[in-house]
Amino acid sequence: MGCIICRDLEQAFEARHSEYIEALSSLCYRVSKKFAALKNVDMERAKSELEEHRFLCASLVAKPAHPFIRSQPARLRRVA
């Protein structure tokens, strides 16, 4: 059985990632890049919280990382 906190953090990260992608592709980005930057900060914060919890969570011993996080080049990944 998976950890409820992991599931909630993963859903939050996926939502923030979707909002960031939407902000990049919207008309708002052309008008104000600050909006997209704020969405990027939100997404990175959610990703960091998810990675930090996964580092400590015992229920994820055999479960691989989220595909988006795993696919990031090492220089883009945050180290908790």
Protein backbone atom coordinates (compact mmCIF):
# COMPACT_ATOMS: atom_id res chain seq x y z
CA MET A 1 0.00 0.00 0.00
CA GLY A 2 1.33 3.44 -0.91
CA CYS A 3 1.84 6.35 1.41
CA ILE A 4 -1.03 8.85 1.48
CA ILE A 5 1.37 11.75 1.91
CA CYS A 6 3.38 10.61 -1.12
CA ARG A 7 0.21 10.43 -3.19
CA ASP A 8 -0.90 13.90 -2.10
CA LEU A 9 2.51 15.43 -2.74
CA GLU A 10 2.73 13.77 -6.15
CA GLN A 11 -0.70 15.13 -7.10
CA ALA A 12 0.33 18.60 -5.92
CA PHE A 13 3.52 18.41 -7.97
CA GLU A 14 1.65 17.26 -11.08
CA ALA A 15 -0.85 20.10 -10.67
CA ARG A 16 1.92 22.70 -10.26
CA HIS A 17 3.78 21.27 -13.24
CA SER A 18 0.64 21.51 -15.39
CA GLU A 19 0.06 25.10 -14.23
CA TYR A 20 3.65 25.98 -15.11
CA ILE A 21 3.38 24.47 -18.60
CA GLU A 22 0.09 26.29 -19.10
CA ALA A 23 1.66 29.58 -17.96
CA LEU A 24 4.52 29.14 -20.42
CA SER A 25 2.18 28.57 -23.33
CA SER A 26 -0.39 31.22 -22.50
CA LEU A 27 -0.77 34.79 -23.58
CA CYS A 28 0.16 35.81 -20.03
CA TYR A 29 3.74 34.67 -20.67
CA ARG A 30 4.07 37.11 -23.54
CA VAL A 31 2.76 39.93 -21.34
CA SER A 32 4.41 39.04 -18.04
CA LYS A 33 7.20 36.50 -17.65
CA LYS A 34 6.96 37.05 -13.89
CA PHE A 35 3.73 35.00 -13.83
CA ALA A 36 5.49 32.02 -15.42
CA ALA A 37 8.43 32.48 -13.05
CA LEU A 38 6.09 32.37 -10.05
CA LYS A 39 4.52 29.16 -11.40
CA ASN A 40 8.01 27.73 -11.85
CA VAL A 41 8.82 28.51 -8.20
CA ASP A 42 5.59 26.81 -7.11
CA MET A 43 6.41 23.75 -9.23
CA GLU A 44 9.98 23.52 -7.91
CA ARG A 45 8.75 23.86 -4.33
CA ALA A 46 6.24 21.03 -4.83
CA LYS A 47 8.93 18.88 -6.46
CA SER A 48 11.31 19.55 -3.59
CA GLU A 49 8.68 18.62 -0.99
CA LEU A 50 7.91 15.40 -2.86
CA GLU A 51 11.59 14.44 -3.18
CA GLU A 52 12.25 15.25 0.48
CA HIS A 53 9.33 13.14 1.66
CA ARG A 54 10.30 10.26 -0.62
CA PHE A 55 13.80 10.30 0.81
CA LEU A 56 12.34 9.71 4.28
CA CYS A 57 9.32 7.57 3.40
CA ALA A 58 9.71 3.86 4.16
CA SER A 59 6.82 2.80 1.93
CA LEU A 60 8.73 3.72 -1.22
CA VAL A 61 11.67 1.36 -0.83
CA ALA A 62 10.84 -0.52 -4.04
CA LYS A 63 8.88 2.17 -5.91
CA PRO A 64 10.70 4.16 -8.62
CA ALA A 65 10.70 7.96 -8.62
CA HIS A 66 8.05 9.99 -10.41
CA PRO A 67 8.79 9.83 -14.18
CA PHE A 68 9.25 13.61 -14.52
CA ILE A 69 11.68 13.81 -11.62
CA ARG A 70 13.57 10.71 -12.74
CA SER A 71 13.92 12.06 -16.29
CA GLN A 72 15.46 15.37 -15.20
CA PRO A 73 19.17 15.70 -15.94
CA ALA A 74 21.24 15.57 -12.75
CA ARG A 75 22.20 19.23 -13.03
CA LEU A 76 18.49 20.18 -12.89
CA ARG A 77 17.56 17.96 -9.96
CA ARG A 78 17.52 19.44 -6.51
CA VAL A 79 19.46 17.70 -3.80
CA ALA A 80 17.62 17.72 -0.48
